[in-house]
Amino acid sequence: GGSMGNMTWQITQTGTTFTGTVSFANHHGNGSMQVSGTMNGRTGTFTITMPNGTMPMAGCSGQVTGTFDMDDMMVKMTGAYTGSTTCRGPFDHGQMTMRRQ
């Protein structure tokens, strides 16, 4: 259990799908984490792929999948996720809140 800190998604949306990169504040790994997903109205799903060397925990790789909902103004995203990393194994009950900038 713990917090990964501030996360930034830089995404491009085409129709109902999106792709992009994920970064964490104060972490400059080797390469970038990739995010992809779908959005239908105010709800969506996503997958984050974290190759070796991109995570704040050195030498780890992993994958996260989750769902999210947008608020009425399409500015705030709240979501839940599960996943697994090579260093810590599976995890669940992850929660996130993000704001559009």
PDB file of N, CA and C in Angstrom:
ATOM      1  N   GLY A   1       0.822  -1.183   0.000  1.00  0.00           N
ATOM      2  CA  GLY A   1       0.000   0.000   0.000  1.00  0.00           C
ATOM      3  C   GLY A   1       0.861   1.239   0.000  1.00  0.00           C
ATOM      4  N   GLY A   2       0.446   2.206  -0.747  1.00  0.00           N
ATOM      5  CA  GLY A   2       1.144   3.471  -0.783  1.00  0.00           C
ATOM      6  C   GLY A   2       0.708   4.273  -1.969  1.00  0.00           C
ATOM      7  N   SER A   3       1.244   5.460  -2.043  1.00  0.00           N
ATOM      8  CA  SER A   3       0.889   6.357  -3.128  1.00  0.00           C
ATOM      9  C   SER A   3       2.069   6.509  -4.077  1.00  0.00           C
ATOM     10  N   MET A   4       1.775   6.491  -5.374  1.00  0.00           N
ATOM     11  CA  MET A   4       2.806   6.710  -6.376  1.00  0.00           C
ATOM     12  C   MET A   4       3.050   8.207  -6.571  1.00  0.00           C
ATOM     13  N   GLY A   5       2.209   9.058  -6.022  1.00  0.00           N
ATOM     14  CA  GLY A   5       2.392  10.486  -6.169  1.00  0.00           C
ATOM     15  C   GLY A   5       1.654  11.033  -7.379  1.00  0.00           C
ATOM     16  N   ASN A   6       2.037  12.218  -7.799  1.00  0.00           N
ATOM     17  CA  ASN A   6       1.370  12.885  -8.917  1.00  0.00           C
ATOM     18  C   ASN A   6       1.721  12.219 -10.241  1.00  0.00           C
ATOM     19  N   MET A   7       0.692  11.953 -11.024  1.00  0.00           N
ATOM     20  CA  MET A   7       0.834  11.278 -12.309  1.00  0.00           C
ATOM     21  C   MET A   7       0.293  12.197 -13.392  1.00  0.00           C
ATOM     22  N   THR A   8       0.935  12.191 -14.555  1.00  0.00           N
ATOM     23  CA  THR A   8       0.486  12.984 -15.703  1.00  0.00           C
ATOM     24  C   THR A   8       0.262  12.063 -16.889  1.00  0.00           C
ATOM     25  N   TRP A   9      -0.892  12.189 -17.514  1.00  0.00           N
ATOM     26  CA  TRP A   9      -1.170  11.502 -18.776  1.00  0.00           C
ATOM     27  C   TRP A   9      -1.123  12.544 -19.882  1.00  0.00           C
ATOM     28  N   GLN A  10      -0.419  12.261 -20.957  1.00  0.00           N
ATOM     29  CA  GLN A  10      -0.464  13.074 -22.169  1.00  0.00           C
ATOM     30  C   GLN A  10      -1.048  12.171 -23.238  1.00  0.00           C
ATOM     31  N   ILE A  11      -2.309  12.442 -23.591  1.00  0.00           N
ATOM     32  CA  ILE A  11      -3.009  11.523 -24.489  1.00  0.00           C
ATOM     33  C   ILE A  11      -3.566  12.237 -25.711  1.00  0.00           C
ATOM     34  N   THR A  12      -3.788  11.439 -26.738  1.00  0.00           N
ATOM     35  CA  THR A  12      -4.475  11.881 -27.944  1.00  0.00           C
ATOM     36  C   THR A  12      -5.679  10.979 -28.120  1.00  0.00           C
ATOM     37  N   GLN A  13      -6.848  11.601 -28.281  1.00  0.00           N
ATOM     38  CA  GLN A  13      -8.081  10.847 -28.454  1.00  0.00           C
ATOM     39  C   GLN A  13      -8.532  10.931 -29.904  1.00  0.00           C
ATOM     40  N   THR A  14      -8.890   9.779 -30.467  1.00  0.00           N
ATOM     41  CA  THR A  14      -9.449   9.691 -31.808  1.00  0.00           C
ATOM     42  C   THR A  14     -10.737   8.888 -31.695  1.00  0.00           C
ATOM     43  N   GLY A  15     -11.859   9.564 -31.864  1.00  0.00           N
ATOM     44  CA  GLY A  15     -13.134   8.883 -31.677  1.00  0.00           C
ATOM     45  C   GLY A  15     -13.273   8.433 -30.236  1.00  0.00           C
ATOM     46  N   THR A  16     -13.496   7.141 -30.031  1.00  0.00           N
ATOM     47  CA  THR A  16     -13.681   6.618 -28.677  1.00  0.00           C
ATOM     48  C   THR A  16     -12.412   6.010 -28.092  1.00  0.00           C
ATOM     49  N   THR A  17     -11.287   6.050 -28.816  1.00  0.00           N
ATOM     50  CA  THR A  17     -10.045   5.470 -28.302  1.00  0.00           C
ATOM     51  C   THR A  17      -9.017   6.561 -28.019  1.00  0.00           C
ATOM     52  N   PHE A  18      -8.100   6.261 -27.099  1.00  0.00           N
ATOM     53  CA  PHE A  18      -7.013   7.194 -26.815  1.00  0.00           C
ATOM     54  C   PHE A  18      -5.723   6.416 -26.568  1.00  0.00           C
ATOM     55  N   THR A  19      -4.600   7.085 -26.819  1.00  0.00           N
ATOM     56  CA  THR A  19      -3.271   6.539 -26.558  1.00  0.00           C
ATOM     57  C   THR A  19      -2.387   7.667 -26.070  1.00  0.00           C
ATOM     58  N   GLY A  20      -1.329   7.314 -25.360  1.00  0.00           N
ATOM     59  CA  GLY A  20      -0.406   8.337 -24.909  1.00  0.00           C
ATOM     60  C   GLY A  20       0.625   7.798 -23.955  1.00  0.00           C
ATOM     61  N   THR A  21       1.217   8.717 -23.198  1.00  0.00           N
ATOM     62  CA  THR A  21       2.265   8.370 -22.252  1.00  0.00           C
ATOM     63  C   THR A  21       1.858   8.764 -20.837  1.00  0.00           C
ATOM     64  N   VAL A  22       2.499   8.114 -19.881  1.00  0.00           N
ATOM     65  CA  VAL A  22       2.266   8.368 -18.456  1.00  0.00           C
ATOM     66  C   VAL A  22       3.607   8.698 -17.822  1.00  0.00           C
ATOM     67  N   SER A  23       3.616   9.697 -16.952  1.00  0.00           N
ATOM     68  CA  SER A  23       4.828  10.007 -16.193  1.00  0.00           C
ATOM     69  C   SER A  23       4.442  10.348 -14.759  1.00  0.00           C
ATOM     70  N   PHE A  24       5.413  10.165 -13.865  1.00  0.00           N
ATOM     71  CA  PHE A  24       5.226  10.498 -12.457  1.00  0.00           C
ATOM     72  C   PHE A  24       6.153  11.647 -12.106  1.00  0.00           C
ATOM     73  N   ALA A  25       5.658  12.554 -11.254  1.00  0.00           N
ATOM     74  CA  ALA A  25       6.455  13.703 -10.826  1.00  0.00           C
ATOM     75  C   ALA A  25       7.760  13.228 -10.196  1.00  0.00           C
ATOM     76  N   ASN A  26       8.831  13.903 -10.489  1.00  0.00           N
ATOM     77  CA  ASN A  26      10.152  13.637  -9.918  1.00  0.00           C
ATOM     78  C   ASN A  26      10.717  12.266 -10.260  1.00  0.00           C
ATOM     79  N   HIS A  27      10.205  11.619 -11.316  1.00  0.00           N
ATOM     80  CA  HIS A  27      10.782  10.352 -11.762  1.00  0.00           C
ATOM     81  C   HIS A  27      11.115  10.471 -13.236  1.00  0.00           C
ATOM     82  N   HIS A  28      12.350  10.232 -13.560  1.00  0.00           N
ATOM     83  CA  HIS A  28      12.800  10.321 -14.943  1.00  0.00           C
ATOM     84  C   HIS A  28      13.403   8.978 -15.332  1.00  0.00           C
ATOM     85  N   GLY A  29      12.550   8.019 -15.636  1.00  0.00           N
ATOM     86  CA  GLY A  29      12.992   6.665 -15.968  1.00  0.00           C
ATOM     87  C   GLY A  29      13.547   6.576 -17.374  1.00  0.00           C
ATOM     88  N   ASN A  30      13.939   5.372 -17.718  1.00  0.00           N
ATOM     89  CA  ASN A  30      14.444   5.084 -19.059  1.00  0.00           C
ATOM     90  C   ASN A  30      13.262   4.703 -19.937  1.00  0.00           C
ATOM     91  N   GLY A  31      12.866   5.559 -20.841  1.00  0.00           N
ATOM     92  CA  GLY A  31      11.709   5.285 -21.680  1.00  0.00           C
ATOM     93  C   GLY A  31      10.445   5.823 -21.049  1.00  0.00           C
ATOM     94  N   SER A  32       9.314   5.428 -21.618  1.00  0.00           N
ATOM     95  CA  SER A  32       8.053   5.952 -21.101  1.00  0.00           C
ATOM     96  C   SER A  32       7.020   4.847 -20.934  1.00  0.00           C
ATOM     97  N   MET A  33       6.141   5.072 -19.988  1.00  0.00           N
ATOM     98  CA  MET A  33       4.997   4.203 -19.779  1.00  0.00           C
ATOM     99  C   MET A  33       3.953   4.568 -20.823  1.00  0.00           C
ATOM    100  N   GLN A  34       3.253   3.580 -21.319  1.00  0.00           N
ATOM    101  CA  GLN A  34       2.235   3.803 -22.344  1.00  0.00           C
ATOM    102  C   GLN A  34       0.850   3.592 -21.755  1.00  0.00           C
ATOM    103  N   VAL A  35      -0.099   4.440 -22.140  1.00  0.00           N
ATOM    104  CA  VAL A  35      -1.488   4.284 -21.740  1.00  0.00           C
ATOM    105  C   VAL A  35      -2.342   4.208 -22.994  1.00  0.00           C
ATOM    106  N   SER A  36      -3.353   3.372 -22.956  1.00  0.00           N
ATOM    107  CA  SER A  36      -4.325   3.292 -24.043  1.00  0.00           C
ATOM    108  C   SER A  36      -5.674   2.954 -23.433  1.00  0.00           C
ATOM    109  N   GLY A  37      -6.729   3.268 -24.162  1.00  0.00           N
ATOM    110  CA  GLY A  37      -8.038   2.959 -23.628  1.00  0.00           C
ATOM    111  C   GLY A  37      -9.157   3.390 -24.540  1.00  0.00           C
ATOM    112  N   THR A  38     -10.355   3.267 -23.985  1.00  0.00           N
ATOM    113  CA  THR A  38     -11.556   3.664 -24.697  1.00  0.00           C
ATOM    114  C   THR A  38     -12.411   4.534 -23.791  1.00  0.00           C
ATOM    115  N   MET A  39     -13.234   5.353 -24.419  1.00  0.00           N
ATOM    116  CA  MET A  39     -14.128   6.236 -23.678  1.00  0.00           C
ATOM    117  C   MET A  39     -15.467   6.259 -24.390  1.00  0.00           C
ATOM    118  N   ASN A  40     -16.526   6.076 -23.623  1.00  0.00           N
ATOM    119  CA  ASN A  40     -17.883   6.108 -24.153  1.00  0.00           C
ATOM    120  C   ASN A  40     -18.691   7.064 -23.280  1.00  0.00           C
ATOM    121  N   GLY A  41     -18.936   8.259 -23.788  1.00  0.00           N
ATOM    122  CA  GLY A  41     -19.609   9.266 -22.972  1.00  0.00           C
ATOM    123  C   GLY A  41     -18.681   9.733 -21.876  1.00  0.00           C
ATOM    124  N   ARG A  42     -19.076   9.529 -20.619  1.00  0.00           N
ATOM    125  CA  ARG A  42     -18.264   9.952 -19.480  1.00  0.00           C
ATOM    126  C   ARG A  42     -17.542   8.792 -18.796  1.00  0.00           C
ATOM    127  N   THR A  43     -17.607   7.589 -19.346  1.00  0.00           N
ATOM    128  CA  THR A  43     -16.955   6.452 -18.718  1.00  0.00           C
ATOM    129  C   THR A  43     -15.927   5.844 -19.664  1.00  0.00           C
ATOM    130  N   GLY A  44     -14.968   5.134 -19.093  1.00  0.00           N
ATOM    131  CA  GLY A  44     -13.966   4.524 -19.945  1.00  0.00           C
ATOM    132  C   GLY A  44     -13.161   3.455 -19.248  1.00  0.00           C
ATOM    133  N   THR A  45     -12.283   2.840 -20.031  1.00  0.00           N
ATOM    134  CA  THR A  45     -11.346   1.841 -19.541  1.00  0.00           C
ATOM    135  C   THR A  45      -9.949   2.226 -20.002  1.00  0.00           C
ATOM    136  N   PHE A  46      -8.933   1.746 -19.288  1.00  0.00           N
ATOM    137  CA  PHE A  46      -7.561   2.050 -19.680  1.00  0.00           C
ATOM    138  C   PHE A  46      -6.627   0.912 -19.299  1.00  0.00           C
ATOM    139  N   THR A  47      -5.503   0.876 -19.997  1.00  0.00           N
ATOM    140  CA  THR A  47      -4.399  -0.032 -19.695  1.00  0.00           C
ATOM    141  C   THR A  47      -3.114   0.781 -19.715  1.00  0.00           C
ATOM    142  N   ILE A  48      -2.300   0.622 -18.687  1.00  0.00           N
ATOM    143  CA  ILE A  48      -0.985   1.257 -18.632  1.00  0.00           C
ATOM    144  C   ILE A  48       0.056   0.151 -18.669  1.00  0.00           C
ATOM    145  N   THR A  49       0.977   0.247 -19.619  1.00  0.00           N
ATOM    146  CA  THR A  49       2.072  -0.699 -19.748  1.00  0.00           C
ATOM    147  C   THR A  49       3.342  -0.017 -19.279  1.00  0.00           C
ATOM    148  N   MET A  50       4.031  -0.665 -18.322  1.00  0.00           N
ATOM    149  CA  MET A  50       5.213  -0.082 -17.696  1.00  0.00           C
ATOM    150  C   MET A  50       6.424  -0.982 -17.958  1.00  0.00           C
ATOM    151  N   PRO A  51       7.157  -0.737 -19.045  1.00  0.00           N
ATOM    152  CA  PRO A  51       8.339  -1.549 -19.330  1.00  0.00           C
ATOM    153  C   PRO A  51       9.413  -1.400 -18.253  1.00  0.00           C
ATOM    154  N   ASN A  52      10.326  -2.354 -18.200  1.00  0.00           N
ATOM    155  CA  ASN A  52      11.434  -2.314 -17.260  1.00  0.00           C
ATOM    156  C   ASN A  52      12.185  -0.982 -17.386  1.00  0.00           C
ATOM    157  N   GLY A  53      12.446  -0.350 -16.259  1.00  0.00           N
ATOM    158  CA  GLY A  53      13.185   0.907 -16.245  1.00  0.00           C
ATOM    159  C   GLY A  53      12.317   2.149 -16.287  1.00  0.00           C
ATOM    160  N   THR A  54      11.010   1.994 -16.444  1.00  0.00           N
ATOM    161  CA  THR A  54      10.145   3.170 -16.523  1.00  0.00           C
ATOM    162  C   THR A  54       9.443   3.479 -15.207  1.00  0.00           C
ATOM    163  N   MET A  55       9.452   2.546 -14.273  1.00  0.00           N
ATOM    164  CA  MET A  55       8.735   2.723 -13.009  1.00  0.00           C
ATOM    165  C   MET A  55       9.629   3.378 -11.964  1.00  0.00           C
ATOM    166  N   PRO A  56       9.023   4.040 -10.978  1.00  0.00           N
ATOM    167  CA  PRO A  56       9.820   4.612  -9.890  1.00  0.00           C
ATOM    168  C   PRO A  56      10.616   3.566  -9.119  1.00  0.00           C
ATOM    169  N   MET A  57      10.167   2.301  -9.126  1.00  0.00           N
ATOM    170  CA  MET A  57      10.911   1.227  -8.472  1.00  0.00           C
ATOM    171  C   MET A  57      11.876   0.640  -9.505  1.00  0.00           C
ATOM    172  N   ALA A  58      13.160   0.821  -9.301  1.00  0.00           N
ATOM    173  CA  ALA A  58      14.169   0.400 -10.279  1.00  0.00           C
ATOM    174  C   ALA A  58      14.084  -1.091 -10.583  1.00  0.00           C
ATOM    175  N   GLY A  59      14.235  -1.431 -11.858  1.00  0.00           N
ATOM    176  CA  GLY A  59      14.268  -2.823 -12.280  1.00  0.00           C
ATOM    177  C   GLY A  59      12.929  -3.519 -12.359  1.00  0.00           C
ATOM    178  N   CYS A  60      11.842  -2.793 -12.229  1.00  0.00           N
ATOM    179  CA  CYS A  60      10.502  -3.400 -12.251  1.00  0.00           C
ATOM    180  C   CYS A  60       9.778  -3.087 -13.551  1.00  0.00           C
ATOM    181  N   SER A  61       8.872  -3.967 -13.923  1.00  0.00           N
ATOM    182  CA  SER A  61       7.954  -3.716 -15.027  1.00  0.00           C
ATOM    183  C   SER A  61       6.566  -4.113 -14.546  1.00  0.00           C
ATOM    184  N   GLY A  62       5.548  -3.729 -15.295  1.00  0.00           N
ATOM    185  CA  GLY A  62       4.203  -4.072 -14.862  1.00  0.00           C
ATOM    186  C   GLY A  62       3.142  -3.627 -15.833  1.00  0.00           C
ATOM    187  N   GLN A  63       1.910  -3.927 -15.455  1.00  0.00           N
ATOM    188  CA  GLN A  63       0.751  -3.517 -16.240  1.00  0.00           C
ATOM    189  C   GLN A  63      -0.407  -3.238 -15.297  1.00  0.00           C
ATOM    190  N   VAL A  64      -1.185  -2.223 -15.640  1.00  0.00           N
ATOM    191  CA  VAL A  64      -2.337  -1.801 -14.857  1.00  0.00           C
ATOM    192  C   VAL A  64      -3.531  -1.721 -15.789  1.00  0.00           C
ATOM    193  N   THR A  65      -4.693  -2.172 -15.332  1.00  0.00           N
ATOM    194  CA  THR A  65      -5.943  -1.977 -16.070  1.00  0.00           C
ATOM    195  C   THR A  65      -6.955  -1.349 -15.127  1.00  0.00           C
ATOM    196  N   GLY A  66      -7.828  -0.528 -15.671  1.00  0.00           N
ATOM    197  CA  GLY A  66      -8.796   0.120 -14.813  1.00  0.00           C
ATOM    198  C   GLY A  66      -9.957   0.720 -15.566  1.00  0.00           C
ATOM    199  N   THR A  67     -10.831   1.324 -14.793  1.00  0.00           N
ATOM    200  CA  THR A  67     -12.010   2.017 -15.311  1.00  0.00           C
ATOM    201  C   THR A  67     -12.035   3.420 -14.729  1.00  0.00           C
ATOM    202  N   PHE A  68     -12.748   4.327 -15.405  1.00  0.00           N
ATOM    203  CA  PHE A  68     -12.858   5.690 -14.892  1.00  0.00           C
ATOM    204  C   PHE A  68     -14.188   6.307 -15.276  1.00  0.00           C
ATOM    205  N   ASP A  69     -14.547   7.356 -14.549  1.00  0.00           N
ATOM    206  CA  ASP A  69     -15.717   8.187 -14.815  1.00  0.00           C
ATOM    207  C   ASP A  69     -15.263   9.631 -14.835  1.00  0.00           C
ATOM    208  N   MET A  70     -15.831  10.411 -15.745  1.00  0.00           N
ATOM    209  CA  MET A  70     -15.566  11.846 -15.807  1.00  0.00           C
ATOM    210  C   MET A  70     -16.721  12.594 -15.148  1.00  0.00           C
ATOM    211  N   ASP A  71     -16.434  13.775 -14.584  1.00  0.00           N
ATOM    212  CA  ASP A  71     -17.503  14.594 -14.012  1.00  0.00           C
ATOM    213  C   ASP A  71     -18.302  15.265 -15.128  1.00  0.00           C
ATOM    214  N   ASP A  72     -19.356  15.969 -14.768  1.00  0.00           N
ATOM    215  CA  ASP A  72     -20.242  16.597 -15.755  1.00  0.00           C
ATOM    216  C   ASP A  72     -19.531  17.599 -16.650  1.00  0.00           C
ATOM    217  N   MET A  73     -18.492  18.255 -16.143  1.00  0.00           N
ATOM    218  CA  MET A  73     -17.765  19.258 -16.923  1.00  0.00           C
ATOM    219  C   MET A  73     -16.607  18.647 -17.717  1.00  0.00           C
ATOM    220  N   MET A  74     -16.412  17.315 -17.603  1.00  0.00           N
ATOM    221  CA  MET A  74     -15.321  16.601 -18.294  1.00  0.00           C
ATOM    222  C   MET A  74     -13.947  17.160 -17.903  1.00  0.00           C
ATOM    223  N   VAL A  75     -13.800  17.506 -16.620  1.00  0.00           N
ATOM    224  CA  VAL A  75     -12.558  18.068 -16.112  1.00  0.00           C
ATOM    225  C   VAL A  75     -11.893  17.138 -15.093  1.00  0.00           C
ATOM    226  N   LYS A  76     -12.676  16.416 -14.315  1.00  0.00           N
ATOM    227  CA  LYS A  76     -12.153  15.565 -13.251  1.00  0.00           C
ATOM    228  C   LYS A  76     -12.449  14.095 -13.567  1.00  0.00           C
ATOM    229  N   MET A  77     -11.414  13.274 -13.476  1.00  0.00           N
ATOM    230  CA  MET A  77     -11.529  11.837 -13.715  1.00  0.00           C
ATOM    231  C   MET A  77     -11.298  11.107 -12.393  1.00  0.00           C
ATOM    232  N   THR A  78     -12.181  10.202 -12.042  1.00  0.00           N
ATOM    233  CA  THR A  78     -11.961   9.323 -10.898  1.00  0.00           C
ATOM    234  C   THR A  78     -11.982   7.895 -11.405  1.00  0.00           C
ATOM    235  N   GLY A  79     -11.117   7.069 -10.854  1.00  0.00           N
ATOM    236  CA  GLY A  79     -11.032   5.718 -11.362  1.00  0.00           C
ATOM    237  C   GLY A  79     -10.549   4.709 -10.336  1.00  0.00           C
ATOM    238  N   ALA A  80     -10.627   3.458 -10.754  1.00  0.00           N
ATOM    239  CA  ALA A  80     -10.143   2.331  -9.963  1.00  0.00           C
ATOM    240  C   ALA A  80      -9.315   1.444 -10.870  1.00  0.00           C
ATOM    241  N   TYR A  81      -8.312   0.774 -10.294  1.00  0.00           N
ATOM    242  CA  TYR A  81      -7.436  -0.045 -11.126  1.00  0.00           C
ATOM    243  C   TYR A  81      -6.882  -1.232 -10.351  1.00  0.00           C
ATOM    244  N   THR A  82      -6.414  -2.221 -11.098  1.00  0.00           N
ATOM    245  CA  THR A  82      -5.709  -3.380 -10.578  1.00  0.00           C
ATOM    246  C   THR A  82      -4.507  -3.614 -11.475  1.00  0.00           C
ATOM    247  N   GLY A  83      -3.587  -4.431 -11.025  1.00  0.00           N
ATOM    248  CA  GLY A  83      -2.436  -4.703 -11.869  1.00  0.00           C
ATOM    249  C   GLY A  83      -1.448  -5.627 -11.215  1.00  0.00           C
ATOM    250  N   SER A  84      -0.253  -5.635 -11.783  1.00  0.00           N
ATOM    251  CA  SER A  84       0.811  -6.472 -11.267  1.00  0.00           C
ATOM    252  C   SER A  84       2.150  -5.870 -11.677  1.00  0.00           C
ATOM    253  N   THR A  85       3.136  -5.998 -10.797  1.00  0.00           N
ATOM    254  CA  THR A  85       4.497  -5.600 -11.132  1.00  0.00           C
ATOM    255  C   THR A  85       5.436  -6.769 -10.855  1.00  0.00           C
ATOM    256  N   THR A  86       6.563  -6.779 -11.539  1.00  0.00           N
ATOM    257  CA  THR A  86       7.524  -7.860 -11.354  1.00  0.00           C
ATOM    258  C   THR A  86       8.211  -7.780  -9.992  1.00  0.00           C
ATOM    259  N   CYS A  87       8.185  -6.620  -9.350  1.00  0.00           N
ATOM    260  CA  CYS A  87       8.828  -6.472  -8.044  1.00  0.00           C
ATOM    261  C   CYS A  87       7.893  -6.774  -6.876  1.00  0.00           C
ATOM    262  N   ARG A  88       6.631  -6.434  -7.021  1.00  0.00           N
ATOM    263  CA  ARG A  88       5.705  -6.576  -5.893  1.00  0.00           C
ATOM    264  C   ARG A  88       4.539  -7.517  -6.153  1.00  0.00           C
ATOM    265  N   GLY A  89       4.434  -8.030  -7.365  1.00  0.00           N
ATOM    266  CA  GLY A  89       3.342  -8.952  -7.672  1.00  0.00           C
ATOM    267  C   GLY A  89       2.026  -8.233  -7.898  1.00  0.00           C
ATOM    268  N   PRO A  90       0.907  -8.972  -7.767  1.00  0.00           N
ATOM    269  CA  PRO A  90      -0.408  -8.390  -8.053  1.00  0.00           C
ATOM    270  C   PRO A  90      -0.863  -7.407  -6.976  1.00  0.00           C
ATOM    271  N   PHE A  91      -1.689  -6.454  -7.387  1.00  0.00           N
ATOM    272  CA  PHE A  91      -2.318  -5.516  -6.457  1.00  0.00           C
ATOM    273  C   PHE A  91      -3.707  -5.181  -6.975  1.00  0.00           C
ATOM    274  N   ASP A  92      -4.561  -4.740  -6.067  1.00  0.00           N
ATOM    275  CA  ASP A  92      -5.911  -4.351  -6.455  1.00  0.00           C
ATOM    276  C   ASP A  92      -6.379  -3.203  -5.565  1.00  0.00           C
ATOM    277  N   HIS A  93      -7.552  -2.756  -5.788  1.00  0.00           N
ATOM    278  CA  HIS A  93      -8.184  -1.658  -5.040  1.00  0.00           C
ATOM    279  C   HIS A  93      -7.477  -0.320  -5.204  1.00  0.00           C
ATOM    280  N   GLY A  94      -6.702  -0.140  -6.289  1.00  0.00           N
ATOM    281  CA  GLY A  94      -6.077   1.150  -6.534  1.00  0.00           C
ATOM    282  C   GLY A  94      -7.130   2.189  -6.888  1.00  0.00           C
ATOM    283  N   GLN A  95      -6.923   3.412  -6.448  1.00  0.00           N
ATOM    284  CA  GLN A  95      -7.840   4.514  -6.747  1.00  0.00           C
ATOM    285  C   GLN A  95      -7.036   5.713  -7.218  1.00  0.00           C
ATOM    286  N   MET A  96      -7.636   6.482  -8.139  1.00  0.00           N
ATOM    287  CA  MET A  96      -6.959   7.670  -8.641  1.00  0.00           C
ATOM    288  C   MET A  96      -7.975   8.770  -8.909  1.00  0.00           C
ATOM    289  N   THR A  97      -7.474   9.984  -8.840  1.00  0.00           N
ATOM    290  CA  THR A  97      -8.238  11.170  -9.218  1.00  0.00           C
ATOM    291  C   THR A  97      -7.295  12.041 -10.038  1.00  0.00           C
ATOM    292  N   MET A  98      -7.761  12.461 -11.214  1.00  0.00           N
ATOM    293  CA  MET A  98      -6.947  13.317 -12.073  1.00  0.00           C
ATOM    294  C   MET A  98      -7.789  14.488 -12.553  1.00  0.00           C
ATOM    295  N   ARG A  99      -7.120  15.604 -12.808  1.00  0.00           N
ATOM    296  CA  ARG A  99      -7.788  16.809 -13.317  1.00  0.00           C
ATOM    297  C   ARG A  99      -7.154  17.211 -14.633  1.00  0.00           C
ATOM    298  N   ARG A 100      -8.012  17.640 -15.575  1.00  0.00           N
ATOM    299  CA  ARG A 100      -7.540  18.127 -16.870  1.00  0.00           C
ATOM    300  C   ARG A 100      -6.840  19.464 -16.687  1.00  0.00           C
ATOM    301  N   GLN A 101      -5.712  19.637 -17.370  1.00  0.00           N
ATOM    302  CA  GLN A 101      -4.982  20.900 -17.282  1.00  0.00           C
ATOM    303  C   GLN A 101      -4.967  21.587 -18.617  1.00  0.00           C
TER     304      GLN A 101
END
